[in-house]
Amino acid sequence: MKAQLLREIRPVEPGSSPLSLETVRDPVPGEYELLVSVEACGVCHTELDEIEGRTPPPALPVIPGHQVVGTVIDTGRNATRFQTGQRVGIAWISAACGYCNYCRTGRENLCPEFRATGRDVNGGYAELITVGEDFAYLIPEEFSPAEAAPLLCAGAIGYRSLSLTNLEDGQNLGLIGFGASGHLVLKLVTHQFPETRVFVFARNEAERQFAVDLGAFWTGDPDEVPPQQLHCAIDTTPVWRPVIHGLSNLVPGGRLVINAIRKESHDREALAEIDYASHFWMEKEIKSVANVTRRDVAGFLAVAAAIPIRPEVQLYKLEEANEALIQLKAKRIRGAKVLHLLGH
């Protein structure tokens, strides 16, 4: 099969090819696994973090990609949850121990043996992929493969982030950064919290206009002060300075949720600007979101199908994965970027 491989940690820069397109051996499903023919795979900022060395070290060489949609074409001898011909999704969570306190209490995202698709095991930048049957999800018929792919990470992690804000209908929500996850959260909030006003902070004017088109109440630069204070906010940026400004914009008792696997270090000096009275006094708080559980993925797929929520997508061929990553880093974003492999 054809696959894009990450063989070394390196910068993602214009004109570079951090991934190499190669022909590799077809994977074979294990006893409780599925063999899936990949039809679409989302391109996520986490891949940038992985390639540039900000995540826990990947198992090199590895095939990235953790927003995978495809058709089951074979099963291991004891895999019974799905049949050949069914369309399934594969998300960031590839495995967890199942026995620790975190797993037993529905917090498998915190399991010390958590394994990630596309980092610890091969992912979906390929024509074929295997997955444990307990970590695959039936894709609702409402969605095409390209539409479903971003729901598996950008959507699911946004869904988890929103739940962690403790938002109540009518409260003000800030979205700091407006990429694949942000635009899905805005769509979700519009339906589930109709009285809530959403304030979007983004540097790119095109992203701000996109937010307005989707129903944002106000948009501005991350450094701007919004016309109303926020009860909660979700930060999806890779840097620290927007977090500092976000804390300043919270009401007393407000919560800021950081939805980022890592923060880049180049603006770490921004942390020196933290002022306890301005940023943390009056019971303001920060909470991080780590990974997703299977319940998050399944829950968001069901909600997205019922509303329905359809992501905006930009399509690329498997051969164009490097270009998609370069454009993602350059913040040339409208919705979600997806590798489209139908007909491979």
C-alpha atoms as a PDB file:
ATOM      1  CA  MET A   1       0.000   0.000   0.000  1.00  0.00           C
ATOM      2  CA  LYS A   2       0.953   3.660  -0.288  1.00  0.00           C
ATOM      3  CA  ALA A   3       1.520   5.587   2.925  1.00  0.00           C
ATOM      4  CA  GLN A   4       3.020   8.853   4.162  1.00  0.00           C
ATOM      5  CA  LEU A   5       5.743   8.067   6.718  1.00  0.00           C
ATOM      6  CA  LEU A   6       7.342  10.232   9.370  1.00  0.00           C
ATOM      7  CA  ARG A   7      10.927   9.048   9.741  1.00  0.00           C
ATOM      8  CA  GLU A   8      12.475  11.889  11.736  1.00  0.00           C
ATOM      9  CA  ILE A   9      11.507  14.897  13.816  1.00  0.00           C
ATOM     10  CA  ARG A  10      11.938  18.029  11.734  1.00  0.00           C
ATOM     11  CA  PRO A  11      10.447  21.481  11.058  1.00  0.00           C
ATOM     12  CA  VAL A  12       7.448  21.881   8.780  1.00  0.00           C
ATOM     13  CA  GLU A  13       8.466  24.716   6.443  1.00  0.00           C
ATOM     14  CA  PRO A  14       7.456  25.976   2.992  1.00  0.00           C
ATOM     15  CA  GLY A  15       8.987  23.741   0.369  1.00  0.00           C
ATOM     16  CA  SER A  16       9.809  20.967   2.858  1.00  0.00           C
ATOM     17  CA  SER A  17       8.631  17.362   2.805  1.00  0.00           C
ATOM     18  CA  PRO A  18       8.570  16.149   6.415  1.00  0.00           C
ATOM     19  CA  LEU A  19       6.638  13.067   5.327  1.00  0.00           C
ATOM     20  CA  SER A  20       7.804  10.627   2.653  1.00  0.00           C
ATOM     21  CA  LEU A  21       5.334   8.851   0.382  1.00  0.00           C
ATOM     22  CA  GLU A  22       6.365   5.190   0.275  1.00  0.00           C
ATOM     23  CA  THR A  23       5.078   1.758  -0.659  1.00  0.00           C
ATOM     24  CA  VAL A  24       4.944  -0.395   2.474  1.00  0.00           C
ATOM     25  CA  ARG A  25       3.655  -3.816   3.435  1.00  0.00           C
ATOM     26  CA  ASP A  26      -0.121  -4.105   3.856  1.00  0.00           C
ATOM     27  CA  PRO A  27      -1.122  -4.429   7.528  1.00  0.00           C
ATOM     28  CA  VAL A  28      -2.758  -7.656   8.726  1.00  0.00           C
ATOM     29  CA  PRO A  29      -5.534  -7.525  11.347  1.00  0.00           C
ATOM     30  CA  GLY A  30      -4.881  -9.189  14.683  1.00  0.00           C
ATOM     31  CA  GLU A  31      -7.282 -11.462  16.506  1.00  0.00           C
ATOM     32  CA  TYR A  32      -9.611  -8.656  17.671  1.00  0.00           C
ATOM     33  CA  GLU A  33      -8.810  -6.117  14.959  1.00  0.00           C
ATOM     34  CA  LEU A  34     -10.358  -4.721  11.808  1.00  0.00           C
ATOM     35  CA  LEU A  35      -8.634  -4.075   8.491  1.00  0.00           C
ATOM     36  CA  VAL A  36      -9.972  -0.815   7.088  1.00  0.00           C
ATOM     37  CA  SER A  37      -9.618   0.634   3.597  1.00  0.00           C
ATOM     38  CA  VAL A  38      -9.068   4.339   4.240  1.00  0.00           C
ATOM     39  CA  GLU A  39     -11.383   6.744   2.431  1.00  0.00           C
ATOM     40  CA  ALA A  40     -10.543   9.982   4.258  1.00  0.00           C
ATOM     41  CA  CYS A  41      -8.220  11.191   6.991  1.00  0.00           C
ATOM     42  CA  GLY A  42      -8.302  14.595   8.639  1.00  0.00           C
ATOM     43  CA  VAL A  43      -5.146  16.708   8.953  1.00  0.00           C
ATOM     44  CA  CYS A  44      -4.757  17.951  12.530  1.00  0.00           C
ATOM     45  CA  HIS A  45      -2.504  20.492  14.284  1.00  0.00           C
ATOM     46  CA  THR A  46      -1.417  17.595  16.496  1.00  0.00           C
ATOM     47  CA  GLU A  47       0.410  16.212  13.467  1.00  0.00           C
ATOM     48  CA  LEU A  48       2.448  19.427  13.370  1.00  0.00           C
ATOM     49  CA  ASP A  49       3.268  18.998  17.060  1.00  0.00           C
ATOM     50  CA  GLU A  50       4.257  15.387  16.448  1.00  0.00           C
ATOM     51  CA  ILE A  51       6.434  16.100  13.404  1.00  0.00           C
ATOM     52  CA  GLU A  52       8.166  19.058  15.057  1.00  0.00           C
ATOM     53  CA  GLY A  53       8.774  17.249  18.342  1.00  0.00           C
ATOM     54  CA  ARG A  54       6.317  18.782  20.806  1.00  0.00           C
ATOM     55  CA  THR A  55       4.378  15.603  21.639  1.00  0.00           C
ATOM     56  CA  PRO A  56       5.644  12.543  23.499  1.00  0.00           C
ATOM     57  CA  PRO A  57       8.075  10.881  21.076  1.00  0.00           C
ATOM     58  CA  PRO A  58       6.341   8.986  18.261  1.00  0.00           C
ATOM     59  CA  ALA A  59       7.279   5.385  17.457  1.00  0.00           C
ATOM     60  CA  LEU A  60       9.402   6.198  14.402  1.00  0.00           C
ATOM     61  CA  PRO A  61       8.958   5.416  11.609  1.00  0.00           C
ATOM     62  CA  VAL A  62       5.222   5.936  11.913  1.00  0.00           C
ATOM     63  CA  ILE A  63       2.282   6.738   9.649  1.00  0.00           C
ATOM     64  CA  PRO A  64       0.508   9.833  11.084  1.00  0.00           C
ATOM     65  CA  GLY A  65      -3.210  10.546  11.038  1.00  0.00           C
ATOM     66  CA  HIS A  66      -5.927  10.024  13.637  1.00  0.00           C
ATOM     67  CA  GLN A  67      -9.179  11.234  12.030  1.00  0.00           C
ATOM     68  CA  VAL A  68      -9.727   8.188   9.857  1.00  0.00           C
ATOM     69  CA  VAL A  69     -12.823   7.045   7.973  1.00  0.00           C
ATOM     70  CA  GLY A  70     -12.953   3.923   5.862  1.00  0.00           C
ATOM     71  CA  THR A  71     -14.645   0.628   5.052  1.00  0.00           C
ATOM     72  CA  VAL A  72     -14.017  -2.645   6.885  1.00  0.00           C
ATOM     73  CA  ILE A  73     -12.569  -5.102   4.368  1.00  0.00           C
ATOM     74  CA  ASP A  74     -11.404  -7.863   6.724  1.00  0.00           C
ATOM     75  CA  THR A  75     -11.580  -8.848  10.391  1.00  0.00           C
ATOM     76  CA  GLY A  76      -9.498 -10.861  12.823  1.00  0.00           C
ATOM     77  CA  ARG A  77     -10.855 -14.294  13.652  1.00  0.00           C
ATOM     78  CA  ASN A  78     -12.408 -13.158  16.963  1.00  0.00           C
ATOM     79  CA  ALA A  79     -13.531  -9.664  15.916  1.00  0.00           C
ATOM     80  CA  THR A  80     -17.342  -9.612  15.909  1.00  0.00           C
ATOM     81  CA  ARG A  81     -18.502  -5.997  16.470  1.00  0.00           C
ATOM     82  CA  PHE A  82     -18.379  -4.985  12.793  1.00  0.00           C
ATOM     83  CA  GLN A  83     -18.926  -6.664   9.453  1.00  0.00           C
ATOM     84  CA  THR A  84     -17.080  -6.225   6.195  1.00  0.00           C
ATOM     85  CA  GLY A  85     -18.584  -3.416   4.164  1.00  0.00           C
ATOM     86  CA  GLN A  86     -19.443  -1.234   7.164  1.00  0.00           C
ATOM     87  CA  ARG A  87     -18.007   2.278   7.320  1.00  0.00           C
ATOM     88  CA  VAL A  88     -16.131   3.030  10.541  1.00  0.00           C
ATOM     89  CA  GLY A  89     -14.127   5.823  12.099  1.00  0.00           C
ATOM     90  CA  ILE A  90     -10.847   5.708  14.007  1.00  0.00           C
ATOM     91  CA  ALA A  91      -9.883   8.456  16.443  1.00  0.00           C
ATOM     92  CA  TRP A  92      -6.858   9.587  18.511  1.00  0.00           C
ATOM     93  CA  ILE A  93      -7.446   6.978  21.231  1.00  0.00           C
ATOM     94  CA  SER A  94      -6.057   3.683  19.945  1.00  0.00           C
ATOM     95  CA  ALA A  95      -5.809   1.774  23.225  1.00  0.00           C
ATOM     96  CA  ALA A  96      -5.875   2.060  27.014  1.00  0.00           C
ATOM     97  CA  CYS A  97      -5.234  -0.569  29.674  1.00  0.00           C
ATOM     98  CA  GLY A  98      -8.876  -0.985  30.707  1.00  0.00           C
ATOM     99  CA  TYR A  99      -7.971  -1.819  34.312  1.00  0.00           C
ATOM    100  CA  CYS A 100      -6.558   1.287  36.012  1.00  0.00           C
ATOM    101  CA  ASN A 101      -8.669   3.659  38.090  1.00  0.00           C
ATOM    102  CA  TYR A 102      -8.897   6.120  35.181  1.00  0.00           C
ATOM    103  CA  CYS A 103     -10.213   3.478  32.793  1.00  0.00           C
ATOM    104  CA  ARG A 104     -12.656   2.087  35.352  1.00  0.00           C
ATOM    105  CA  THR A 105     -14.111   5.550  36.000  1.00  0.00           C
ATOM    106  CA  GLY A 106     -14.591   6.590  32.368  1.00  0.00           C
ATOM    107  CA  ARG A 107     -11.377   8.638  32.200  1.00  0.00           C
ATOM    108  CA  GLU A 108      -9.403   6.393  29.887  1.00  0.00           C
ATOM    109  CA  ASN A 109      -7.961   9.534  28.281  1.00  0.00           C
ATOM    110  CA  LEU A 110      -5.747   9.817  31.387  1.00  0.00           C
ATOM    111  CA  CYS A 111      -4.645   6.160  31.421  1.00  0.00           C
ATOM    112  CA  PRO A 112      -0.841   5.842  31.822  1.00  0.00           C
ATOM    113  CA  GLU A 113      -0.927   3.259  29.013  1.00  0.00           C
ATOM    114  CA  PHE A 114      -2.923   5.491  26.645  1.00  0.00           C
ATOM    115  CA  ARG A 115      -1.808   4.878  23.056  1.00  0.00           C
ATOM    116  CA  ALA A 116      -2.478   7.305  20.245  1.00  0.00           C
ATOM    117  CA  THR A 117      -3.360   6.542  16.622  1.00  0.00           C
ATOM    118  CA  GLY A 118      -0.742   7.935  14.274  1.00  0.00           C
ATOM    119  CA  ARG A 119       1.822   8.404  17.054  1.00  0.00           C
ATOM    120  CA  ASP A 120       2.169   5.135  18.974  1.00  0.00           C
ATOM    121  CA  VAL A 121       0.640   2.980  16.208  1.00  0.00           C
ATOM    122  CA  ASN A 122       0.297   3.609  12.487  1.00  0.00           C
ATOM    123  CA  GLY A 123      -2.440   6.023  11.464  1.00  0.00           C
ATOM    124  CA  GLY A 124      -4.544   7.000   8.503  1.00  0.00           C
ATOM    125  CA  TYR A 125      -2.204   8.791   6.088  1.00  0.00           C
ATOM    126  CA  ALA A 126      -2.292   5.499   4.194  1.00  0.00           C
ATOM    127  CA  GLU A 127      -4.470   3.320   2.022  1.00  0.00           C
ATOM    128  CA  LEU A 128      -5.030   0.710   4.759  1.00  0.00           C
ATOM    129  CA  ILE A 129      -5.092   0.708   8.562  1.00  0.00           C
ATOM    130  CA  THR A 130      -5.808  -1.784  11.341  1.00  0.00           C
ATOM    131  CA  VAL A 131      -7.648  -0.937  14.556  1.00  0.00           C
ATOM    132  CA  GLY A 132      -8.887  -2.809  17.604  1.00  0.00           C
ATOM    133  CA  GLU A 133     -12.623  -3.365  17.195  1.00  0.00           C
ATOM    134  CA  ASP A 134     -13.335  -1.707  20.570  1.00  0.00           C
ATOM    135  CA  PHE A 135     -11.724   1.509  19.309  1.00  0.00           C
ATOM    136  CA  ALA A 136     -13.694   1.856  16.081  1.00  0.00           C
ATOM    137  CA  TYR A 137     -16.971   3.761  15.623  1.00  0.00           C
ATOM    138  CA  LEU A 138     -19.831   3.252  13.208  1.00  0.00           C
ATOM    139  CA  ILE A 139     -20.092   6.346  10.996  1.00  0.00           C
ATOM    140  CA  PRO A 140     -23.627   7.776  10.679  1.00  0.00           C
ATOM    141  CA  GLU A 141     -25.005   7.596   7.152  1.00  0.00           C
ATOM    142  CA  GLU A 142     -25.631  11.351   7.191  1.00  0.00           C
ATOM    143  CA  PHE A 143     -21.960  12.066   6.547  1.00  0.00           C
ATOM    144  CA  SER A 144     -19.635  11.535   3.627  1.00  0.00           C
ATOM    145  CA  PRO A 145     -16.181  10.187   4.565  1.00  0.00           C
ATOM    146  CA  ALA A 146     -14.625  13.658   4.202  1.00  0.00           C
ATOM    147  CA  GLU A 147     -17.321  15.230   6.384  1.00  0.00           C
ATOM    148  CA  ALA A 148     -17.013  12.535   9.057  1.00  0.00           C
ATOM    149  CA  ALA A 149     -13.213  12.646   9.381  1.00  0.00           C
ATOM    150  CA  PRO A 150     -12.939  15.988  11.284  1.00  0.00           C
ATOM    151  CA  LEU A 151     -15.712  14.912  13.659  1.00  0.00           C
ATOM    152  CA  LEU A 152     -13.435  12.203  15.074  1.00  0.00           C
ATOM    153  CA  CYS A 153     -10.883  14.597  16.588  1.00  0.00           C
ATOM    154  CA  ALA A 154     -11.579  18.268  15.941  1.00  0.00           C
ATOM    155  CA  GLY A 155     -15.231  17.613  16.761  1.00  0.00           C
ATOM    156  CA  ALA A 156     -14.758  15.133  19.613  1.00  0.00           C
ATOM    157  CA  ILE A 157     -12.065  17.172  21.379  1.00  0.00           C
ATOM    158  CA  GLY A 158     -14.154  20.313  20.923  1.00  0.00           C
ATOM    159  CA  TYR A 159     -17.129  18.453  22.401  1.00  0.00           C
ATOM    160  CA  ARG A 160     -15.035  17.447  25.408  1.00  0.00           C
ATOM    161  CA  SER A 161     -13.602  20.954  25.769  1.00  0.00           C
ATOM    162  CA  LEU A 162     -17.067  22.497  25.715  1.00  0.00           C
ATOM    163  CA  SER A 163     -18.281  20.111  28.428  1.00  0.00           C
ATOM    164  CA  LEU A 164     -15.297  21.085  30.594  1.00  0.00           C
ATOM    165  CA  THR A 165     -16.202  24.796  30.424  1.00  0.00           C
ATOM    166  CA  ASN A 166     -19.441  24.151  32.372  1.00  0.00           C
ATOM    167  CA  LEU A 167     -21.191  26.566  29.994  1.00  0.00           C
ATOM    168  CA  GLU A 168     -24.844  27.366  30.713  1.00  0.00           C
ATOM    169  CA  ASP A 169     -27.241  28.675  28.089  1.00  0.00           C
ATOM    170  CA  GLY A 170     -27.140  32.472  27.982  1.00  0.00           C
ATOM    171  CA  GLN A 171     -23.563  32.752  29.215  1.00  0.00           C
ATOM    172  CA  ASN A 172     -20.805  34.239  27.052  1.00  0.00           C
ATOM    173  CA  LEU A 173     -18.309  31.829  25.481  1.00  0.00           C
ATOM    174  CA  GLY A 174     -14.958  32.815  24.004  1.00  0.00           C
ATOM    175  CA  LEU A 175     -13.253  30.795  21.271  1.00  0.00           C
ATOM    176  CA  ILE A 176      -9.572  31.748  21.128  1.00  0.00           C
ATOM    177  CA  GLY A 177      -8.272  30.534  17.781  1.00  0.00           C
ATOM    178  CA  PHE A 178     -10.690  29.412  15.084  1.00  0.00           C
ATOM    179  CA  GLY A 179      -9.594  26.325  13.199  1.00  0.00           C
ATOM    180  CA  ALA A 180     -11.192  22.936  12.641  1.00  0.00           C
ATOM    181  CA  SER A 181     -12.224  22.417  16.265  1.00  0.00           C
ATOM    182  CA  GLY A 182     -13.411  25.992  16.835  1.00  0.00           C
ATOM    183  CA  HIS A 183     -15.772  26.051  13.882  1.00  0.00           C
ATOM    184  CA  LEU A 184     -17.388  22.787  14.999  1.00  0.00           C
ATOM    185  CA  VAL A 185     -17.782  24.064  18.570  1.00  0.00           C
ATOM    186  CA  LEU A 186     -19.494  27.193  17.232  1.00  0.00           C
ATOM    187  CA  LYS A 187     -21.915  25.052  15.220  1.00  0.00           C
ATOM    188  CA  LEU A 188     -22.582  22.908  18.303  1.00  0.00           C
ATOM    189  CA  VAL A 189     -23.162  25.880  20.616  1.00  0.00           C
ATOM    190  CA  THR A 190     -25.555  27.512  18.143  1.00  0.00           C
ATOM    191  CA  HIS A 191     -27.853  24.502  18.461  1.00  0.00           C
ATOM    192  CA  GLN A 192     -27.377  23.433  22.073  1.00  0.00           C
ATOM    193  CA  PHE A 193     -27.078  26.877  23.707  1.00  0.00           C
ATOM    194  CA  PRO A 194     -29.188  29.208  21.544  1.00  0.00           C
ATOM    195  CA  GLU A 195     -29.058  32.128  24.022  1.00  0.00           C
ATOM    196  CA  THR A 196     -25.259  32.023  24.342  1.00  0.00           C
ATOM    197  CA  ARG A 197     -23.163  34.684  22.649  1.00  0.00           C
ATOM    198  CA  VAL A 198     -19.941  33.408  21.095  1.00  0.00           C
ATOM    199  CA  PHE A 199     -16.915  35.719  20.904  1.00  0.00           C
ATOM    200  CA  VAL A 200     -14.216  34.561  18.477  1.00  0.00           C
ATOM    201  CA  PHE A 201     -10.599  35.702  18.734  1.00  0.00           C
ATOM    202  CA  ALA A 202      -8.458  35.097  15.634  1.00  0.00           C
ATOM    203  CA  ARG A 203      -5.612  36.940  13.926  1.00  0.00           C
ATOM    204  CA  ASN A 204      -6.671  36.014  10.419  1.00  0.00           C
ATOM    205  CA  GLU A 205      -9.377  38.261   8.964  1.00  0.00           C
ATOM    206  CA  ALA A 206     -10.672  35.394   6.801  1.00  0.00           C
ATOM    207  CA  GLU A 207     -11.131  33.242   9.922  1.00  0.00           C
ATOM    208  CA  ARG A 208     -12.993  36.072  11.657  1.00  0.00           C
ATOM    209  CA  GLN A 209     -15.317  36.484   8.684  1.00  0.00           C
ATOM    210  CA  PHE A 210     -15.875  32.725   8.624  1.00  0.00           C
ATOM    211  CA  ALA A 211     -16.876  32.896  12.311  1.00  0.00           C
ATOM    212  CA  VAL A 212     -19.343  35.684  11.557  1.00  0.00           C
ATOM    213  CA  ASP A 213     -20.810  33.616   8.728  1.00  0.00           C
ATOM    214  CA  LEU A 214     -21.375  30.774  11.220  1.00  0.00           C
ATOM    215  CA  GLY A 215     -23.127  32.999  13.749  1.00  0.00           C
ATOM    216  CA  ALA A 216     -20.468  34.458  16.053  1.00  0.00           C
ATOM    217  CA  PHE A 217     -21.738  37.447  18.047  1.00  0.00           C
ATOM    218  CA  TRP A 218     -18.378  39.265  17.920  1.00  0.00           C
ATOM    219  CA  THR A 219     -14.928  38.672  16.462  1.00  0.00           C
ATOM    220  CA  GLY A 220     -11.592  40.322  17.066  1.00  0.00           C
ATOM    221  CA  ASP A 221      -7.854  39.886  17.398  1.00  0.00           C
ATOM    222  CA  PRO A 222      -6.652  37.757  20.364  1.00  0.00           C
ATOM    223  CA  ASP A 223      -5.224  40.956  21.926  1.00  0.00           C
ATOM    224  CA  GLU A 224      -8.529  42.845  21.719  1.00  0.00           C
ATOM    225  CA  VAL A 225     -10.877  43.385  24.657  1.00  0.00           C
ATOM    226  CA  PRO A 226     -14.376  42.116  23.816  1.00  0.00           C
ATOM    227  CA  PRO A 227     -17.430  44.312  24.479  1.00  0.00           C
ATOM    228  CA  GLN A 228     -18.603  41.897  27.206  1.00  0.00           C
ATOM    229  CA  GLN A 229     -16.727  39.701  29.665  1.00  0.00           C
ATOM    230  CA  LEU A 230     -16.698  35.940  29.158  1.00  0.00           C
ATOM    231  CA  HIS A 231     -18.073  33.299  31.503  1.00  0.00           C
ATOM    232  CA  CYS A 232     -15.788  30.715  29.907  1.00  0.00           C
ATOM    233  CA  ALA A 233     -13.425  30.319  26.978  1.00  0.00           C
ATOM    234  CA  ILE A 234     -11.697  27.606  24.954  1.00  0.00           C
ATOM    235  CA  ASP A 235      -8.156  28.257  23.738  1.00  0.00           C
ATOM    236  CA  THR A 236      -6.943  26.224  20.747  1.00  0.00           C
ATOM    237  CA  THR A 237      -3.868  28.284  19.888  1.00  0.00           C
ATOM    238  CA  PRO A 238      -0.340  26.820  20.013  1.00  0.00           C
ATOM    239  CA  VAL A 239       1.094  29.762  22.001  1.00  0.00           C
ATOM    240  CA  TRP A 240       0.840  31.362  25.458  1.00  0.00           C
ATOM    241  CA  ARG A 241      -0.003  35.030  24.913  1.00  0.00           C
ATOM    242  CA  PRO A 242      -3.683  34.460  23.956  1.00  0.00           C
ATOM    243  CA  VAL A 243      -4.121  32.536  27.217  1.00  0.00           C
ATOM    244  CA  ILE A 244      -2.966  35.547  29.230  1.00  0.00           C
ATOM    245  CA  HIS A 245      -5.394  37.841  27.415  1.00  0.00           C
ATOM    246  CA  GLY A 246      -8.148  35.243  27.721  1.00  0.00           C
ATOM    247  CA  LEU A 247      -7.816  35.142  31.507  1.00  0.00           C
ATOM    248  CA  SER A 248      -8.125  38.935  31.607  1.00  0.00           C
ATOM    249  CA  ASN A 249     -11.454  38.720  29.785  1.00  0.00           C
ATOM    250  CA  LEU A 250     -13.102  36.236  32.189  1.00  0.00           C
ATOM    251  CA  VAL A 251     -15.771  37.140  34.711  1.00  0.00           C
ATOM    252  CA  PRO A 252     -15.105  36.246  38.379  1.00  0.00           C
ATOM    253  CA  GLY A 253     -15.318  32.480  38.680  1.00  0.00           C
ATOM    254  CA  GLY A 254     -14.751  32.051  34.934  1.00  0.00           C
ATOM    255  CA  ARG A 255     -12.939  29.076  33.448  1.00  0.00           C
ATOM    256  CA  LEU A 256     -10.514  28.900  30.513  1.00  0.00           C
ATOM    257  CA  VAL A 257     -10.042  25.469  28.926  1.00  0.00           C
ATOM    258  CA  ILE A 258      -6.817  24.899  26.963  1.00  0.00           C
ATOM    259  CA  ASN A 259      -7.429  22.531  24.065  1.00  0.00           C
ATOM    260  CA  ALA A 260      -3.856  22.004  22.842  1.00  0.00           C
ATOM    261  CA  ILE A 261      -1.597  19.017  23.218  1.00  0.00           C
ATOM    262  CA  ARG A 262       1.417  21.292  23.719  1.00  0.00           C
ATOM    263  CA  LYS A 263       2.263  24.998  23.741  1.00  0.00           C
ATOM    264  CA  GLU A 264       5.163  26.229  21.629  1.00  0.00           C
ATOM    265  CA  SER A 265       8.098  27.670  23.562  1.00  0.00           C
ATOM    266  CA  HIS A 266       9.004  30.685  21.402  1.00  0.00           C
ATOM    267  CA  ASP A 267       6.647  33.048  23.276  1.00  0.00           C
ATOM    268  CA  ARG A 268       7.227  31.646  26.752  1.00  0.00           C
ATOM    269  CA  GLU A 269       8.275  35.117  27.892  1.00  0.00           C
ATOM    270  CA  ALA A 270       4.559  35.984  27.768  1.00  0.00           C
ATOM    271  CA  LEU A 271       4.183  34.003  30.997  1.00  0.00           C
ATOM    272  CA  ALA A 272       6.224  36.689  32.760  1.00  0.00           C
ATOM    273  CA  GLU A 273       3.278  39.025  32.165  1.00  0.00           C
ATOM    274  CA  ILE A 274       0.956  37.021  34.411  1.00  0.00           C
ATOM    275  CA  ASP A 275      -0.419  39.223  37.143  1.00  0.00           C
ATOM    276  CA  TYR A 276      -2.245  37.393  39.910  1.00  0.00           C
ATOM    277  CA  ALA A 277      -4.758  40.192  40.510  1.00  0.00           C
ATOM    278  CA  SER A 278      -5.643  40.576  36.822  1.00  0.00           C
ATOM    279  CA  HIS A 279      -5.511  36.968  35.690  1.00  0.00           C
ATOM    280  CA  PHE A 280      -6.316  34.623  38.591  1.00  0.00           C
ATOM    281  CA  TRP A 281      -7.892  36.604  41.414  1.00  0.00           C
ATOM    282  CA  MET A 282     -11.648  36.141  42.007  1.00  0.00           C
ATOM    283  CA  GLU A 283     -11.534  32.380  41.494  1.00  0.00           C
ATOM    284  CA  LYS A 284     -10.695  32.331  37.822  1.00  0.00           C
ATOM    285  CA  GLU A 285      -9.269  29.009  36.687  1.00  0.00           C
ATOM    286  CA  ILE A 286      -7.498  27.164  33.878  1.00  0.00           C
ATOM    287  CA  LYS A 287      -8.261  23.573  32.947  1.00  0.00           C
ATOM    288  CA  SER A 288      -6.492  21.554  30.267  1.00  0.00           C
ATOM    289  CA  VAL A 289      -8.142  18.941  28.107  1.00  0.00           C
ATOM    290  CA  ALA A 290      -6.119  15.782  27.493  1.00  0.00           C
ATOM    291  CA  ASN A 291      -6.951  13.366  24.691  1.00  0.00           C
ATOM    292  CA  VAL A 292     -10.470  11.984  24.269  1.00  0.00           C
ATOM    293  CA  THR A 293     -12.408   8.999  25.550  1.00  0.00           C
ATOM    294  CA  ARG A 294     -14.407   6.638  23.392  1.00  0.00           C
ATOM    295  CA  ARG A 295     -17.521   8.127  24.982  1.00  0.00           C
ATOM    296  CA  ASP A 296     -16.533  11.583  23.661  1.00  0.00           C
ATOM    297  CA  VAL A 297     -16.153  10.298  20.108  1.00  0.00           C
ATOM    298  CA  ALA A 298     -19.360   8.265  20.088  1.00  0.00           C
ATOM    299  CA  GLY A 299     -21.272  11.052  21.841  1.00  0.00           C
ATOM    300  CA  PHE A 300     -20.234  13.729  19.401  1.00  0.00           C
ATOM    301  CA  LEU A 301     -20.940  11.553  16.349  1.00  0.00           C
ATOM    302  CA  ALA A 302     -24.480  11.022  17.642  1.00  0.00           C
ATOM    303  CA  VAL A 303     -25.041  14.722  18.388  1.00  0.00           C
ATOM    304  CA  ALA A 304     -23.532  15.813  15.076  1.00  0.00           C
ATOM    305  CA  ALA A 305     -25.799  13.415  13.168  1.00  0.00           C
ATOM    306  CA  ALA A 306     -28.914  14.516  15.049  1.00  0.00           C
ATOM    307  CA  ILE A 307     -28.440  18.268  14.506  1.00  0.00           C
ATOM    308  CA  PRO A 308     -26.780  17.694  11.890  1.00  0.00           C
ATOM    309  CA  ILE A 309     -23.378  19.397  12.082  1.00  0.00           C
ATOM    310  CA  ARG A 310     -21.493  19.368   8.794  1.00  0.00           C
ATOM    311  CA  PRO A 311     -17.902  20.584   8.867  1.00  0.00           C
ATOM    312  CA  GLU A 312     -16.411  22.788   6.186  1.00  0.00           C
ATOM    313  CA  VAL A 313     -13.607  20.807   4.551  1.00  0.00           C
ATOM    314  CA  GLN A 314     -10.718  21.396   2.165  1.00  0.00           C
ATOM    315  CA  LEU A 315      -9.711  18.255   0.284  1.00  0.00           C
ATOM    316  CA  TYR A 316      -6.197  17.043  -0.567  1.00  0.00           C
ATOM    317  CA  LYS A 317      -4.864  13.883  -2.154  1.00  0.00           C
ATOM    318  CA  LEU A 318      -2.695  11.527  -0.091  1.00  0.00           C
ATOM    319  CA  GLU A 319       0.246  12.722  -2.179  1.00  0.00           C
ATOM    320  CA  GLU A 320      -0.472  16.300  -1.022  1.00  0.00           C
ATOM    321  CA  ALA A 321      -0.184  15.623   2.719  1.00  0.00           C
ATOM    322  CA  ASN A 322       2.954  17.741   3.104  1.00  0.00           C
ATOM    323  CA  GLU A 323       1.305  20.709   1.397  1.00  0.00           C
ATOM    324  CA  ALA A 324      -1.740  20.386   3.672  1.00  0.00           C
ATOM    325  CA  LEU A 325       0.523  20.461   6.729  1.00  0.00           C
ATOM    326  CA  ILE A 326       2.453  23.478   5.449  1.00  0.00           C
ATOM    327  CA  GLN A 327      -0.791  25.372   4.815  1.00  0.00           C
ATOM    328  CA  LEU A 328      -2.069  24.390   8.251  1.00  0.00           C
ATOM    329  CA  LYS A 329       1.057  25.768   9.911  1.00  0.00           C
ATOM    330  CA  ALA A 330       0.727  28.963   7.865  1.00  0.00           C
ATOM    331  CA  LYS A 331      -2.837  29.247   9.248  1.00  0.00           C
ATOM    332  CA  ARG A 332      -4.406  29.107   5.795  1.00  0.00           C
ATOM    333  CA  ILE A 333      -7.482  27.508   7.294  1.00  0.00           C
ATOM    334  CA  ARG A 334     -11.184  27.484   6.563  1.00  0.00           C
ATOM    335  CA  GLY A 335     -12.780  24.638   8.474  1.00  0.00           C
ATOM    336  CA  ALA A 336     -10.833  21.369   8.344  1.00  0.00           C
ATOM    337  CA  LYS A 337      -8.241  19.919   5.985  1.00  0.00           C
ATOM    338  CA  VAL A 338      -8.861  16.327   4.879  1.00  0.00           C
ATOM    339  CA  LEU A 339      -6.888  13.804   2.832  1.00  0.00           C
ATOM    340  CA  HIS A 340      -9.345  12.197   0.409  1.00  0.00           C
ATOM    341  CA  LEU A 341      -8.514   8.646  -0.678  1.00  0.00           C
ATOM    342  CA  LEU A 342     -11.756   7.454  -2.277  1.00  0.00           C
ATOM    343  CA  GLY A 343     -10.986   5.573  -5.461  1.00  0.00           C
ATOM    344  CA  HIS A 344      -7.370   4.789  -4.511  1.00  0.00           C
END
